[in-house]
Amino acid sequence: MMEQVPGALGTSASLALRLGQTIFSSAALLFMCLDVEFYSYTSFSYLVTVMGLVTPWSVSLALVDAYSVFIKCLPRQPRVLLIIIVGDWALSFLSLAAACSTASVTSLLVNVGSSFCPSELCSRYRLSAAMAFLSWLLSFASTLFNLWLFPSL
């Protein structure tokens, strides 16, 4: 009999985590891409790239979780779970790096003055960094829950 870890793959808590990741990563992309000038800074382009990877990853795993929750059938194989853990782990650290770099560049632009970053633009960059941090938090939580489940397989 397998241990049922709340938040691990195939549970309703995992579905909620994946939906949250999808919403926050999509919001980070939306707030950043509302402006064409984000290509001027490497950290903003990096955030768009990473969130562009996190969004489909989270959507696909949310579909797996939804199938598992509603059909109540998920073959838990150690190799599949290991791939999901490694993917979550890598994307969570990439998300953290992107969120931190975006927040630091935005802070620098705010401190330099309004000539580099008008207030409306900087507020969108701040919102994008905040959404990326929230996406990272949920992704890292999902990684830890699945890592906790892994030894019991």
Protein backbone atom coordinates (compact mmCIF):
# COMPACT_ATOMS: atom_id res chain seq x y z
CA MET A 1 0.00 0.00 0.00
CA MET A 2 1.39 3.36 -1.04
CA GLU A 3 1.61 6.30 1.28
CA GLN A 4 -0.71 9.19 0.36
CA VAL A 5 1.29 12.42 0.70
CA PRO A 6 -0.80 15.58 0.41
CA GLY A 7 0.53 17.63 -2.49
CA ALA A 8 2.24 14.69 -4.18
CA LEU A 9 1.53 13.75 -7.78
CA GLY A 10 -2.02 12.59 -8.34
CA THR A 11 -3.69 14.35 -5.41
CA SER A 12 -6.10 17.26 -5.37
CA ALA A 13 -3.56 19.36 -3.48
CA SER A 14 -1.06 18.74 -6.29
CA LEU A 15 -3.71 19.83 -8.79
CA ALA A 16 -4.17 23.06 -6.82
CA LEU A 17 -0.39 23.62 -6.72
CA ARG A 18 -0.11 23.06 -10.48
CA LEU A 19 -3.01 25.37 -11.25
CA GLY A 20 -1.43 28.04 -9.03
CA GLN A 21 1.89 27.61 -10.83
CA THR A 22 0.15 27.97 -14.17
CA ILE A 23 -1.74 31.09 -13.11
CA PHE A 24 1.27 32.82 -11.56
CA SER A 25 3.69 31.96 -14.36
CA SER A 26 1.16 33.11 -16.96
CA ALA A 27 0.62 36.33 -15.01
CA ALA A 28 4.38 36.93 -14.86
CA LEU A 29 4.54 36.48 -18.62
CA LEU A 30 1.55 38.73 -19.18
CA PHE A 31 2.82 41.58 -17.01
CA MET A 32 6.26 41.41 -18.59
CA CYS A 33 5.09 41.09 -22.19
CA LEU A 34 2.62 43.97 -22.05
CA ASP A 35 5.62 46.14 -22.84
CA VAL A 36 7.91 45.75 -25.80
CA GLU A 37 10.87 47.34 -23.99
CA PHE A 38 11.59 44.30 -21.79
CA TYR A 39 14.01 43.00 -24.45
CA SER A 40 16.40 45.80 -23.45
CA TYR A 41 17.37 43.94 -20.28
CA THR A 42 18.73 40.41 -20.19
CA SER A 43 17.12 39.52 -16.87
CA PHE A 44 13.66 40.41 -18.21
CA SER A 45 14.22 38.25 -21.29
CA TYR A 46 15.42 35.46 -19.00
CA LEU A 47 12.22 35.72 -16.94
CA VAL A 48 10.10 35.48 -20.09
CA THR A 49 12.07 32.43 -21.26
CA VAL A 50 11.83 30.62 -17.92
CA MET A 51 8.15 31.40 -17.42
CA GLY A 52 7.60 30.24 -21.00
CA LEU A 53 9.02 26.87 -19.92
CA VAL A 54 7.23 26.72 -16.56
CA THR A 55 3.76 27.38 -17.98
CA PRO A 56 3.50 24.34 -20.32
CA TRP A 57 5.24 22.13 -17.74
CA SER A 58 2.68 23.11 -15.10
CA VAL A 59 -0.26 22.78 -17.48
CA SER A 60 0.77 19.29 -18.55
CA LEU A 61 1.25 18.11 -14.97
CA ALA A 62 -2.04 19.75 -13.97
CA LEU A 63 -3.72 17.65 -16.65
CA VAL A 64 -2.06 14.52 -15.24
CA ASP A 65 -3.24 15.48 -11.76
CA ALA A 66 -6.77 16.23 -12.97
CA TYR A 67 -6.93 12.85 -14.71
CA SER A 68 -5.67 11.15 -11.57
CA VAL A 69 -8.08 12.96 -9.27
CA PHE A 70 -11.20 12.48 -11.38
CA ILE A 71 -10.51 8.99 -12.78
CA LYS A 72 -8.72 7.85 -9.60
CA CYS A 73 -6.08 5.97 -11.54
CA LEU A 74 -2.43 6.92 -11.76
CA PRO A 75 0.36 4.44 -12.26
CA ARG A 76 3.08 5.68 -9.91
CA GLN A 77 6.31 4.48 -11.35
CA PRO A 78 9.60 5.51 -9.77
CA ARG A 79 11.17 6.61 -13.08
CA VAL A 80 8.25 8.83 -14.01
CA LEU A 81 8.19 10.39 -10.57
CA LEU A 82 11.97 10.92 -10.71
CA ILE A 83 11.63 12.77 -14.03
CA ILE A 84 8.91 14.96 -12.54
CA ILE A 85 11.00 15.66 -9.43
CA VAL A 86 14.09 16.59 -11.47
CA GLY A 87 12.01 18.75 -13.84
CA ASP A 88 10.31 20.53 -10.96
CA TRP A 89 13.61 21.00 -9.16
CA ALA A 90 15.36 22.47 -12.20
CA LEU A 91 12.47 24.73 -13.15
CA SER A 92 11.99 25.92 -9.58
CA PHE A 93 15.62 27.04 -9.33
CA LEU A 94 15.45 28.65 -12.76
CA SER A 95 12.28 30.45 -11.65
CA LEU A 96 13.95 31.67 -8.48
CA ALA A 97 16.93 32.97 -10.45
CA ALA A 98 14.67 34.72 -12.95
CA ALA A 99 12.52 36.28 -10.23
CA CYS A 100 15.54 37.48 -8.26
CA SER A 101 17.27 38.95 -11.29
CA THR A 102 14.09 40.69 -12.42
CA ALA A 103 13.47 42.10 -8.96
CA SER A 104 17.04 43.36 -8.64
CA VAL A 105 17.10 45.01 -12.07
CA THR A 106 13.71 46.59 -11.41
CA SER A 107 14.94 47.90 -8.06
CA LEU A 108 18.03 49.32 -9.74
CA LEU A 109 15.93 51.00 -12.43
CA VAL A 110 13.62 52.52 -9.83
CA ASN A 111 16.56 53.90 -7.85
CA VAL A 112 18.25 55.35 -10.93
CA GLY A 113 15.25 57.45 -11.85
CA SER A 114 12.22 57.75 -14.04
CA SER A 115 14.24 58.37 -17.21
CA PHE A 116 15.08 54.67 -17.42
CA CYS A 117 11.84 53.27 -16.09
CA PRO A 118 8.54 55.18 -16.02
CA SER A 119 6.40 54.39 -12.99
CA GLU A 120 3.74 52.43 -14.91
CA LEU A 121 6.39 50.31 -16.57
CA CYS A 122 8.29 49.65 -13.34
CA SER A 123 5.11 48.66 -11.55
CA ARG A 124 4.46 46.03 -14.22
CA TYR A 125 8.00 44.74 -13.85
CA ARG A 126 7.51 44.53 -10.08
CA LEU A 127 4.24 42.64 -10.52
CA SER A 128 5.94 40.27 -12.92
CA ALA A 129 8.73 39.58 -10.43
CA ALA A 130 6.19 39.02 -7.64
CA MET A 131 4.22 36.55 -9.77
CA ALA A 132 7.46 34.74 -10.62
CA PHE A 133 8.29 34.46 -6.91
CA LEU A 134 4.85 33.00 -6.19
CA SER A 135 5.23 30.55 -9.07
CA TRP A 136 8.61 29.51 -7.68
CA LEU A 137 7.15 29.00 -4.21
CA LEU A 138 4.45 26.65 -5.49
CA SER A 139 6.88 24.82 -7.75
CA PHE A 140 9.35 24.25 -4.93
CA ALA A 141 6.57 23.06 -2.63
CA SER A 142 5.47 20.58 -5.29
CA THR A 143 9.06 19.37 -5.64
CA LEU A 144 9.37 18.77 -1.92
CA PHE A 145 6.05 16.89 -1.70
CA ASN A 146 7.01 14.61 -4.59
CA LEU A 147 10.48 14.12 -3.13
CA TRP A 148 8.83 13.08 0.13
CA LEU A 149 6.73 10.50 -1.73
CA PHE A 150 9.64 9.09 -3.76
CA PRO A 151 11.22 6.78 -1.12
CA SER A 152 7.89 5.01 -0.52
CA LEU A 153 7.68 3.78 -4.13
